[in-house]
Amino acid sequence: MNKPVFIIAAWIALGLEIGLKPALELGSRGVAPSLVLPLLVFVALSAPSRVVRSSALLLGLSIDLTATVGGSVTLVGPYALAFLIVGELVMSLRNAVMARNPLTVGVLSFIGALIVAVVVVVIYTIRSWIFADPAWSAGGQLLVRAGSALYTGLGAIILALVLLPLTGVFGLGADNRRAAIGRRA
């Protein structure tokens, strides 16, 4: 994989996610799409496993460092762990899906966003029990994040129309995919 291209794409996706979240938000509850998770799904469909894992940790850590709990606390780890789980899931499914199909990216992004929602809400809920945070509502958070997951999946289809033609620029061609699948490490 072409690391400089990935880093630039990750920086753009993170910047757009942070900058456009208020504009893309549906209602006042906070339902908004992720633009970073579809990038992970796109990479995980073709890259070697070590590249997917490092990409997942980098993207998850970048979300961890920009997200806050209760508006003031930054908690490092929940998104990094969740993105790592999503990366592993996509790698395990890539033999069974059509990697160059925008619908594949959309469906896997939706499933991945649901997984991220569950992992993050569980970790934040455990934190709220430890620090007695009465404002945290796991049920409400799961509902909002499930809506965001659906929004992410729909947005990922559109994003895939931009990313899939750039597969060669990312260094994720068909030859690389066959090598990545054969070298599962």
N, C-alpha and C. Protein backbone atom coordinates (compact mmCIF):
# COMPACT_ATOMS: atom_id res chain seq x y z
N MET A 1 0.84 -1.18 0.00
CA MET A 1 0.00 0.00 0.00
C MET A 1 0.89 1.24 0.00
N ASN A 2 0.43 2.25 -0.67
CA ASN A 2 1.13 3.52 -0.76
C ASN A 2 0.82 4.33 0.51
N LYS A 3 1.76 4.34 1.46
CA LYS A 3 1.52 4.95 2.76
C LYS A 3 1.25 6.45 2.70
N PRO A 4 2.01 7.23 1.91
CA PRO A 4 1.70 8.67 1.86
C PRO A 4 0.28 8.95 1.35
N VAL A 5 -0.18 8.18 0.37
CA VAL A 5 -1.54 8.38 -0.14
C VAL A 5 -2.55 8.04 0.94
N PHE A 6 -2.32 6.95 1.67
CA PHE A 6 -3.23 6.58 2.75
C PHE A 6 -3.27 7.65 3.83
N ILE A 7 -2.13 8.15 4.22
CA ILE A 7 -2.07 9.17 5.28
C ILE A 7 -2.80 10.44 4.85
N ILE A 8 -2.62 10.84 3.59
CA ILE A 8 -3.33 12.02 3.09
C ILE A 8 -4.83 11.76 3.07
N ALA A 9 -5.23 10.58 2.61
CA ALA A 9 -6.66 10.23 2.56
C ALA A 9 -7.25 10.17 3.97
N ALA A 10 -6.50 9.62 4.92
CA ALA A 10 -6.97 9.55 6.31
C ALA A 10 -7.11 10.95 6.89
N TRP A 11 -6.16 11.81 6.61
CA TRP A 11 -6.20 13.19 7.10
C TRP A 11 -7.41 13.93 6.52
N ILE A 12 -7.65 13.74 5.22
CA ILE A 12 -8.81 14.39 4.57
C ILE A 12 -10.11 13.84 5.15
N ALA A 13 -10.20 12.51 5.29
CA ALA A 13 -11.43 11.89 5.82
C ALA A 13 -11.70 12.36 7.25
N LEU A 14 -10.66 12.42 8.07
CA LEU A 14 -10.83 12.88 9.45
C LEU A 14 -11.24 14.35 9.49
N GLY A 15 -10.58 15.15 8.68
CA GLY A 15 -10.94 16.58 8.63
C GLY A 15 -12.36 16.80 8.15
N LEU A 16 -12.77 16.06 7.13
CA LEU A 16 -14.15 16.18 6.65
C LEU A 16 -15.15 15.68 7.68
N GLU A 17 -14.79 14.59 8.37
CA GLU A 17 -15.70 14.07 9.39
C GLU A 17 -15.90 15.09 10.51
N ILE A 18 -14.82 15.68 10.96
CA ILE A 18 -14.93 16.67 12.04
C ILE A 18 -15.61 17.95 11.54
N GLY A 19 -15.22 18.41 10.37
CA GLY A 19 -15.74 19.67 9.86
C GLY A 19 -17.18 19.61 9.36
N LEU A 20 -17.55 18.48 8.76
CA LEU A 20 -18.89 18.38 8.18
C LEU A 20 -19.92 17.75 9.10
N LYS A 21 -19.48 17.24 10.24
CA LYS A 21 -20.44 16.56 11.13
C LYS A 21 -21.64 17.45 11.48
N PRO A 22 -21.45 18.71 11.85
CA PRO A 22 -22.63 19.54 12.15
C PRO A 22 -23.54 19.74 10.93
N ALA A 23 -22.95 19.84 9.75
CA ALA A 23 -23.76 20.06 8.55
C ALA A 23 -24.50 18.80 8.10
N LEU A 24 -23.90 17.64 8.35
CA LEU A 24 -24.51 16.37 7.93
C LEU A 24 -25.41 15.75 8.99
N GLU A 25 -25.40 16.33 10.17
CA GLU A 25 -26.18 15.78 11.29
C GLU A 25 -27.67 15.83 11.00
N LEU A 26 -28.35 14.72 11.28
CA LEU A 26 -29.80 14.64 11.13
C LEU A 26 -30.44 14.89 12.48
N GLY A 27 -31.23 15.92 12.58
CA GLY A 27 -31.87 16.23 13.85
C GLY A 27 -30.89 16.77 14.86
N SER A 28 -31.36 16.82 16.10
CA SER A 28 -30.53 17.38 17.17
C SER A 28 -29.88 16.31 18.03
N ARG A 29 -30.13 15.04 17.74
CA ARG A 29 -29.62 13.95 18.57
C ARG A 29 -28.16 13.58 18.28
N GLY A 30 -27.65 13.96 17.14
CA GLY A 30 -26.26 13.66 16.83
C GLY A 30 -26.07 12.53 15.83
N VAL A 31 -27.09 12.17 15.07
CA VAL A 31 -26.96 11.14 14.06
C VAL A 31 -26.20 11.72 12.88
N ALA A 32 -24.97 11.24 12.69
CA ALA A 32 -24.11 11.74 11.62
C ALA A 32 -23.26 10.58 11.09
N PRO A 33 -22.87 10.64 9.82
CA PRO A 33 -22.08 9.54 9.26
C PRO A 33 -20.60 9.64 9.62
N SER A 34 -19.94 8.50 9.54
CA SER A 34 -18.49 8.47 9.66
C SER A 34 -17.91 8.44 8.26
N LEU A 35 -16.89 9.22 8.02
CA LEU A 35 -16.18 9.19 6.75
C LEU A 35 -14.87 8.44 6.88
N VAL A 36 -14.45 8.17 8.11
CA VAL A 36 -13.20 7.47 8.36
C VAL A 36 -13.40 5.96 8.29
N LEU A 37 -14.49 5.45 8.81
CA LEU A 37 -14.74 4.01 8.81
C LEU A 37 -14.82 3.43 7.40
N PRO A 38 -15.50 4.07 6.43
CA PRO A 38 -15.48 3.52 5.08
C PRO A 38 -14.08 3.46 4.47
N LEU A 39 -13.20 4.37 4.85
CA LEU A 39 -11.81 4.30 4.39
C LEU A 39 -11.15 3.04 4.91
N LEU A 40 -11.40 2.70 6.19
CA LEU A 40 -10.86 1.46 6.74
C LEU A 40 -11.41 0.25 6.00
N VAL A 41 -12.70 0.23 5.74
CA VAL A 41 -13.31 -0.89 5.01
C VAL A 41 -12.68 -1.02 3.63
N PHE A 42 -12.51 0.10 2.94
CA PHE A 42 -11.89 0.10 1.62
C PHE A 42 -10.49 -0.50 1.68
N VAL A 43 -9.70 -0.11 2.65
CA VAL A 43 -8.34 -0.64 2.78
C VAL A 43 -8.37 -2.12 3.18
N ALA A 44 -9.25 -2.47 4.11
CA ALA A 44 -9.30 -3.85 4.61
C ALA A 44 -9.76 -4.85 3.55
N LEU A 45 -10.43 -4.38 2.52
CA LEU A 45 -10.88 -5.29 1.47
C LEU A 45 -9.74 -5.78 0.58
N SER A 46 -8.59 -5.09 0.58
CA SER A 46 -7.53 -5.45 -0.34
C SER A 46 -6.12 -5.52 0.24
N ALA A 47 -5.87 -4.86 1.33
CA ALA A 47 -4.50 -4.73 1.83
C ALA A 47 -4.07 -5.96 2.64
N PRO A 48 -2.77 -6.17 2.77
CA PRO A 48 -2.28 -7.26 3.63
C PRO A 48 -2.70 -7.03 5.08
N SER A 49 -2.79 -8.09 5.84
CA SER A 49 -3.35 -8.03 7.19
C SER A 49 -2.58 -7.07 8.11
N ARG A 50 -1.26 -7.04 8.03
CA ARG A 50 -0.51 -6.14 8.92
C ARG A 50 -0.79 -4.68 8.58
N VAL A 51 -1.01 -4.39 7.31
CA VAL A 51 -1.35 -3.03 6.89
C VAL A 51 -2.75 -2.67 7.38
N VAL A 52 -3.68 -3.62 7.30
CA VAL A 52 -5.04 -3.36 7.78
C VAL A 52 -5.03 -3.09 9.27
N ARG A 53 -4.29 -3.89 10.01
CA ARG A 53 -4.25 -3.71 11.47
C ARG A 53 -3.64 -2.36 11.85
N SER A 54 -2.54 -2.00 11.22
CA SER A 54 -1.93 -0.71 11.56
C SER A 54 -2.81 0.45 11.10
N SER A 55 -3.47 0.30 9.97
CA SER A 55 -4.39 1.34 9.49
C SER A 55 -5.57 1.48 10.44
N ALA A 56 -6.11 0.36 10.91
CA ALA A 56 -7.25 0.38 11.83
C ALA A 56 -6.86 1.08 13.13
N LEU A 57 -5.69 0.76 13.65
CA LEU A 57 -5.25 1.40 14.90
C LEU A 57 -5.01 2.89 14.70
N LEU A 58 -4.41 3.26 13.58
CA LEU A 58 -4.17 4.68 13.31
C LEU A 58 -5.48 5.45 13.16
N LEU A 59 -6.41 4.91 12.38
CA LEU A 59 -7.69 5.59 12.19
C LEU A 59 -8.50 5.64 13.48
N GLY A 60 -8.53 4.53 14.21
CA GLY A 60 -9.25 4.49 15.48
C GLY A 60 -8.67 5.45 16.50
N LEU A 61 -7.35 5.50 16.57
CA LEU A 61 -6.69 6.42 17.50
C LEU A 61 -6.98 7.87 17.13
N SER A 62 -7.03 8.15 15.82
CA SER A 62 -7.33 9.53 15.41
C SER A 62 -8.76 9.92 15.83
N ILE A 63 -9.69 8.99 15.76
CA ILE A 63 -11.05 9.27 16.22
C ILE A 63 -11.06 9.41 17.74
N ASP A 64 -10.33 8.53 18.44
CA ASP A 64 -10.25 8.63 19.90
C ASP A 64 -9.75 10.00 20.35
N LEU A 65 -8.77 10.52 19.66
CA LEU A 65 -8.16 11.78 20.07
C LEU A 65 -9.03 13.00 19.73
N THR A 66 -10.01 12.81 18.86
CA THR A 66 -10.88 13.93 18.51
C THR A 66 -12.26 13.82 19.15
N ALA A 67 -12.60 12.67 19.71
CA ALA A 67 -13.91 12.47 20.36
C ALA A 67 -13.77 12.75 21.86
N THR A 68 -14.84 13.23 22.45
CA THR A 68 -14.84 13.46 23.89
C THR A 68 -16.03 12.75 24.53
N VAL A 69 -15.84 12.37 25.78
CA VAL A 69 -16.90 11.76 26.57
C VAL A 69 -17.45 12.85 27.48
N GLY A 70 -18.73 13.08 27.40
CA GLY A 70 -19.33 14.11 28.26
C GLY A 70 -18.86 15.51 27.93
N GLY A 71 -18.32 15.69 26.73
CA GLY A 71 -17.91 17.02 26.30
C GLY A 71 -16.55 17.48 26.78
N SER A 72 -15.89 16.72 27.68
CA SER A 72 -14.62 17.25 28.20
C SER A 72 -13.51 16.21 28.35
N VAL A 73 -13.81 14.93 28.36
CA VAL A 73 -12.80 13.90 28.61
C VAL A 73 -12.48 13.16 27.32
N THR A 74 -11.19 13.07 26.99
CA THR A 74 -10.74 12.28 25.86
C THR A 74 -10.29 10.92 26.37
N LEU A 75 -10.88 9.88 25.84
CA LEU A 75 -10.58 8.52 26.27
C LEU A 75 -9.92 7.79 25.10
N VAL A 76 -8.65 7.43 25.25
CA VAL A 76 -7.91 6.76 24.18
C VAL A 76 -8.12 5.26 24.29
N GLY A 77 -8.57 4.65 23.20
CA GLY A 77 -8.70 3.21 23.16
C GLY A 77 -9.98 2.64 22.60
N PRO A 78 -11.15 3.19 22.94
CA PRO A 78 -12.39 2.56 22.47
C PRO A 78 -12.50 2.47 20.95
N TYR A 79 -12.26 3.55 20.27
CA TYR A 79 -12.38 3.53 18.81
C TYR A 79 -11.23 2.73 18.18
N ALA A 80 -10.04 2.81 18.74
CA ALA A 80 -8.92 2.03 18.21
C ALA A 80 -9.23 0.54 18.30
N LEU A 81 -9.74 0.10 19.43
CA LEU A 81 -10.13 -1.31 19.59
C LEU A 81 -11.26 -1.68 18.64
N ALA A 82 -12.27 -0.83 18.56
CA ALA A 82 -13.41 -1.11 17.69
C ALA A 82 -12.99 -1.15 16.22
N PHE A 83 -12.15 -0.23 15.78
CA PHE A 83 -11.69 -0.24 14.39
C PHE A 83 -10.85 -1.48 14.11
N LEU A 84 -10.06 -1.92 15.08
CA LEU A 84 -9.27 -3.14 14.91
C LEU A 84 -10.19 -4.35 14.72
N ILE A 85 -11.26 -4.42 15.49
CA ILE A 85 -12.24 -5.51 15.34
C ILE A 85 -12.90 -5.45 13.97
N VAL A 86 -13.26 -4.26 13.52
CA VAL A 86 -13.88 -4.11 12.20
C VAL A 86 -12.90 -4.53 11.10
N GLY A 87 -11.66 -4.13 11.23
CA GLY A 87 -10.65 -4.53 10.24
C GLY A 87 -10.52 -6.05 10.15
N GLU A 88 -10.51 -6.70 11.30
CA GLU A 88 -10.42 -8.17 11.31
C GLU A 88 -11.67 -8.79 10.67
N LEU A 89 -12.83 -8.23 10.96
CA LEU A 89 -14.07 -8.75 10.38
C LEU A 89 -14.03 -8.64 8.85
N VAL A 90 -13.67 -7.47 8.35
CA VAL A 90 -13.64 -7.27 6.90
C VAL A 90 -12.62 -8.20 6.26
N MET A 91 -11.46 -8.38 6.89
CA MET A 91 -10.47 -9.30 6.33
C MET A 91 -11.00 -10.73 6.29
N SER A 92 -11.77 -11.11 7.29
CA SER A 92 -12.31 -12.47 7.29
C SER A 92 -13.41 -12.66 6.25
N LEU A 93 -14.05 -11.56 5.83
CA LEU A 93 -15.13 -11.65 4.86
C LEU A 93 -14.70 -11.37 3.42
N ARG A 94 -13.49 -10.90 3.20
CA ARG A 94 -13.14 -10.43 1.86
C ARG A 94 -13.09 -11.52 0.80
N ASN A 95 -12.97 -12.78 1.18
CA ASN A 95 -13.05 -13.86 0.20
C ASN A 95 -14.48 -14.10 -0.24
N ALA A 96 -15.44 -13.68 0.54
CA ALA A 96 -16.85 -13.97 0.26
C ALA A 96 -17.60 -12.80 -0.37
N VAL A 97 -16.93 -11.67 -0.58
CA VAL A 97 -17.62 -10.48 -1.10
C VAL A 97 -16.93 -9.99 -2.37
N MET A 98 -17.64 -9.14 -3.11
CA MET A 98 -17.07 -8.49 -4.29
C MET A 98 -16.43 -7.18 -3.83
N ALA A 99 -15.13 -7.17 -3.74
CA ALA A 99 -14.42 -6.05 -3.14
C ALA A 99 -14.57 -4.75 -3.92
N ARG A 100 -14.76 -4.81 -5.22
CA ARG A 100 -14.82 -3.60 -6.03
C ARG A 100 -16.25 -3.15 -6.29
N ASN A 101 -17.14 -3.45 -5.37
CA ASN A 101 -18.54 -3.07 -5.52
C ASN A 101 -18.87 -2.03 -4.44
N PRO A 102 -19.41 -0.87 -4.82
CA PRO A 102 -19.76 0.14 -3.83
C PRO A 102 -20.76 -0.35 -2.78
N LEU A 103 -21.65 -1.26 -3.17
CA LEU A 103 -22.61 -1.80 -2.19
C LEU A 103 -21.90 -2.62 -1.12
N THR A 104 -20.83 -3.31 -1.51
CA THR A 104 -20.05 -4.07 -0.53
C THR A 104 -19.45 -3.14 0.51
N VAL A 105 -18.86 -2.05 0.04
CA VAL A 105 -18.28 -1.07 0.96
C VAL A 105 -19.37 -0.49 1.87
N GLY A 106 -20.53 -0.23 1.30
CA GLY A 106 -21.64 0.33 2.09
C GLY A 106 -22.14 -0.63 3.15
N VAL A 107 -22.38 -1.88 2.76
CA VAL A 107 -22.90 -2.87 3.72
C VAL A 107 -21.88 -3.15 4.81
N LEU A 108 -20.61 -3.34 4.42
CA LEU A 108 -19.58 -3.61 5.43
C LEU A 108 -19.33 -2.40 6.32
N SER A 109 -19.50 -1.20 5.79
CA SER A 109 -19.37 0.00 6.62
C SER A 109 -20.52 0.08 7.62
N PHE A 110 -21.72 -0.27 7.19
CA PHE A 110 -22.88 -0.29 8.09
C PHE A 110 -22.64 -1.30 9.22
N ILE A 111 -22.24 -2.51 8.86
CA ILE A 111 -21.99 -3.54 9.88
C ILE A 111 -20.85 -3.11 10.79
N GLY A 112 -19.80 -2.56 10.18
CA GLY A 112 -18.67 -2.08 10.97
C GLY A 112 -19.05 -0.96 11.92
N ALA A 113 -19.89 -0.05 11.46
CA ALA A 113 -20.32 1.06 12.32
C ALA A 113 -21.18 0.55 13.47
N LEU A 114 -21.97 -0.49 13.24
CA LEU A 114 -22.72 -1.11 14.34
C LEU A 114 -21.78 -1.72 15.37
N ILE A 115 -20.75 -2.39 14.90
CA ILE A 115 -19.76 -2.98 15.81
C ILE A 115 -19.05 -1.89 16.60
N VAL A 116 -18.65 -0.84 15.92
CA VAL A 116 -17.99 0.29 16.60
C VAL A 116 -18.93 0.86 17.65
N ALA A 117 -20.19 1.01 17.32
CA ALA A 117 -21.16 1.56 18.27
C ALA A 117 -21.25 0.70 19.52
N VAL A 118 -21.36 -0.61 19.35
CA VAL A 118 -21.48 -1.50 20.50
C VAL A 118 -20.23 -1.47 21.36
N VAL A 119 -19.06 -1.58 20.73
CA VAL A 119 -17.80 -1.59 21.49
C VAL A 119 -17.62 -0.28 22.25
N VAL A 120 -17.83 0.84 21.58
CA VAL A 120 -17.62 2.14 22.21
C VAL A 120 -18.63 2.37 23.34
N VAL A 121 -19.89 2.02 23.11
CA VAL A 121 -20.90 2.22 24.15
C VAL A 121 -20.61 1.33 25.35
N VAL A 122 -20.18 0.10 25.14
CA VAL A 122 -19.84 -0.78 26.26
C VAL A 122 -18.70 -0.19 27.08
N ILE A 123 -17.65 0.27 26.40
CA ILE A 123 -16.50 0.82 27.12
C ILE A 123 -16.89 2.11 27.86
N TYR A 124 -17.64 2.99 27.20
CA TYR A 124 -18.07 4.23 27.86
C TYR A 124 -19.03 3.94 29.01
N THR A 125 -19.85 2.90 28.86
CA THR A 125 -20.78 2.55 29.95
C THR A 125 -20.01 2.04 31.16
N ILE A 126 -19.01 1.21 30.93
CA ILE A 126 -18.17 0.74 32.05
C ILE A 126 -17.49 1.93 32.71
N ARG A 127 -17.01 2.87 31.90
CA ARG A 127 -16.39 4.07 32.46
C ARG A 127 -17.40 4.87 33.28
N SER A 128 -18.65 4.95 32.79
CA SER A 128 -19.65 5.73 33.53
C SER A 128 -20.00 5.06 34.86
N TRP A 129 -19.93 3.74 34.92
CA TRP A 129 -20.16 3.04 36.20
C TRP A 129 -19.03 3.34 37.18
N ILE A 130 -17.81 3.34 36.68
CA ILE A 130 -16.65 3.57 37.54
C ILE A 130 -16.65 5.01 38.07
N PHE A 131 -16.93 5.96 37.20
CA PHE A 131 -16.86 7.37 37.59
C PHE A 131 -18.23 7.97 37.90
N ALA A 132 -19.24 7.14 38.04
CA ALA A 132 -20.60 7.56 38.41
C ALA A 132 -21.08 8.74 37.58
N ASP A 133 -21.18 8.52 36.27
CA ASP A 133 -21.64 9.56 35.35
C ASP A 133 -23.12 9.35 35.08
N PRO A 134 -24.00 10.11 35.75
CA PRO A 134 -25.44 9.90 35.57
C PRO A 134 -25.97 10.39 34.22
N ALA A 135 -25.19 11.21 33.52
CA ALA A 135 -25.64 11.75 32.23
C ALA A 135 -25.53 10.74 31.10
N TRP A 136 -24.75 9.69 31.30
CA TRP A 136 -24.52 8.70 30.23
C TRP A 136 -25.71 7.73 30.17
N SER A 137 -26.28 7.58 29.01
CA SER A 137 -27.40 6.66 28.79
C SER A 137 -27.02 5.69 27.69
N ALA A 138 -26.72 4.44 28.05
CA ALA A 138 -26.28 3.45 27.07
C ALA A 138 -27.35 3.20 26.01
N GLY A 139 -28.60 3.08 26.43
CA GLY A 139 -29.68 2.83 25.48
C GLY A 139 -29.85 3.95 24.48
N GLY A 140 -29.83 5.17 24.96
CA GLY A 140 -29.95 6.33 24.07
C GLY A 140 -28.78 6.44 23.12
N GLN A 141 -27.60 6.17 23.66
CA GLN A 141 -26.39 6.22 22.82
C GLN A 141 -26.43 5.16 21.73
N LEU A 142 -26.86 3.95 22.08
CA LEU A 142 -26.94 2.89 21.08
C LEU A 142 -27.93 3.24 19.99
N LEU A 143 -29.04 3.83 20.35
CA LEU A 143 -30.04 4.21 19.36
C LEU A 143 -29.49 5.26 18.39
N VAL A 144 -28.85 6.28 18.92
CA VAL A 144 -28.27 7.33 18.09
C VAL A 144 -27.17 6.75 17.21
N ARG A 145 -26.33 5.91 17.78
CA ARG A 145 -25.21 5.33 17.02
C ARG A 145 -25.69 4.32 15.98
N ALA A 146 -26.82 3.66 16.22
CA ALA A 146 -27.39 2.77 15.20
C ALA A 146 -27.88 3.59 14.01
N GLY A 147 -28.48 4.74 14.29
CA GLY A 147 -28.88 5.64 13.21
C GLY A 147 -27.67 6.15 12.45
N SER A 148 -26.61 6.46 13.17
CA SER A 148 -25.37 6.90 12.53
C SER A 148 -24.75 5.79 11.69
N ALA A 149 -24.90 4.54 12.14
CA ALA A 149 -24.37 3.39 11.39
C ALA A 149 -25.09 3.27 10.05
N LEU A 150 -26.40 3.42 10.07
CA LEU A 150 -27.16 3.36 8.82
C LEU A 150 -26.75 4.51 7.89
N TYR A 151 -26.61 5.67 8.44
CA TYR A 151 -26.18 6.85 7.68
C TYR A 151 -24.77 6.63 7.12
N THR A 152 -23.89 6.02 7.91
CA THR A 152 -22.54 5.73 7.46
C THR A 152 -22.56 4.76 6.29
N GLY A 153 -23.38 3.71 6.39
CA GLY A 153 -23.47 2.74 5.30
C GLY A 153 -23.95 3.36 4.00
N LEU A 154 -24.96 4.22 4.09
CA LEU A 154 -25.46 4.89 2.89
C LEU A 154 -24.42 5.85 2.32
N GLY A 155 -23.77 6.59 3.20
CA GLY A 155 -22.72 7.50 2.75
C GLY A 155 -21.51 6.78 2.19
N ALA A 156 -21.24 5.58 2.71
CA ALA A 156 -20.09 4.80 2.24
C ALA A 156 -20.26 4.36 0.79
N ILE A 157 -21.50 4.15 0.38
CA ILE A 157 -21.74 3.79 -1.03
C ILE A 157 -21.28 4.94 -1.93
N ILE A 158 -21.61 6.15 -1.55
CA ILE A 158 -21.19 7.33 -2.33
C ILE A 158 -19.68 7.50 -2.24
N LEU A 159 -19.13 7.34 -1.05
CA LEU A 159 -17.69 7.46 -0.86
C LEU A 159 -16.93 6.40 -1.65
N ALA A 160 -17.50 5.20 -1.75
CA ALA A 160 -16.86 4.12 -2.50
C ALA A 160 -16.75 4.48 -3.98
N LEU A 161 -17.70 5.24 -4.49
CA LEU A 161 -17.63 5.67 -5.89
C LEU A 161 -16.43 6.57 -6.14
N VAL A 162 -15.93 7.21 -5.08
CA VAL A 162 -14.72 8.02 -5.18
C VAL A 162 -13.48 7.15 -4.92
N LEU A 163 -13.54 6.28 -3.92
CA LEU A 163 -12.37 5.51 -3.51
C LEU A 163 -12.02 4.36 -4.47
N LEU A 164 -13.01 3.65 -4.95
CA LEU A 164 -12.73 2.46 -5.78
C LEU A 164 -11.93 2.76 -7.04
N PRO A 165 -12.18 3.86 -7.75
CA PRO A 165 -11.32 4.17 -8.90
C PRO A 165 -9.88 4.52 -8.49
N LEU A 166 -9.66 4.84 -7.22
CA LEU A 166 -8.32 5.19 -6.74
C LEU A 166 -7.57 3.99 -6.17
N THR A 167 -8.08 2.79 -6.38
CA THR A 167 -7.45 1.59 -5.85
C THR A 167 -5.98 1.49 -6.26
N GLY A 168 -5.69 1.76 -7.51
CA GLY A 168 -4.31 1.71 -7.99
C GLY A 168 -3.43 2.77 -7.34
N VAL A 169 -3.96 3.96 -7.12
CA VAL A 169 -3.21 5.04 -6.48
C VAL A 169 -2.84 4.65 -5.04
N PHE A 170 -3.75 3.96 -4.38
CA PHE A 170 -3.49 3.47 -3.03
C PHE A 170 -2.53 2.28 -3.02
N GLY A 171 -2.26 1.69 -4.17
CA GLY A 171 -1.42 0.50 -4.24
C GLY A 171 -2.16 -0.74 -3.80
N LEU A 172 -3.46 -0.78 -4.07
CA LEU A 172 -4.30 -1.90 -3.64
C LEU A 172 -4.90 -2.61 -4.84
N GLY A 173 -4.10 -2.87 -5.87
CA GLY A 173 -4.61 -3.51 -7.07
C GLY A 173 -4.98 -4.96 -6.85
N ALA A 174 -5.48 -5.60 -7.90
CA ALA A 174 -5.93 -6.99 -7.84
C ALA A 174 -4.78 -7.93 -7.48
N ASP A 175 -3.59 -7.66 -8.01
CA ASP A 175 -2.44 -8.51 -7.67
C ASP A 175 -2.12 -8.42 -6.19
N ASN A 176 -2.21 -7.22 -5.63
CA ASN A 176 -1.97 -7.02 -4.21
C ASN A 176 -3.04 -7.73 -3.38
N ARG A 177 -4.29 -7.74 -3.87
CA ARG A 177 -5.38 -8.41 -3.15
C ARG A 177 -5.12 -9.91 -3.07
N ARG A 178 -4.73 -10.51 -4.20
CA ARG A 178 -4.44 -11.95 -4.18
C ARG A 178 -3.28 -12.26 -3.23
N ALA A 179 -2.27 -11.41 -3.25
CA ALA A 179 -1.12 -11.61 -2.34
C ALA A 179 -1.55 -11.44 -0.89
N ALA A 180 -2.40 -10.46 -0.63
CA ALA A 180 -2.87 -10.20 0.74
C ALA A 180 -3.69 -11.37 1.27
N ILE A 181 -4.55 -11.92 0.42
CA ILE A 181 -5.39 -13.03 0.83
C ILE A 181 -4.55 -14.28 1.06
N GLY A 182 -3.53 -14.47 0.23
CA GLY A 182 -2.67 -15.64 0.37
C GLY A 182 -1.76 -15.57 1.57
N ARG A 183 -1.46 -14.35 2.08
CA ARG A 183 -0.51 -14.17 3.18
C ARG A 183 -1.19 -13.86 4.50
N ARG A 184 -2.31 -14.34 4.76
CA ARG A 184 -2.99 -14.01 6.02
C ARG A 184 -2.07 -14.30 7.20
N ALA A 185 -1.67 -13.22 7.84
CA ALA A 185 -0.76 -13.38 8.99
C ALA A 185 -1.35 -12.74 10.22
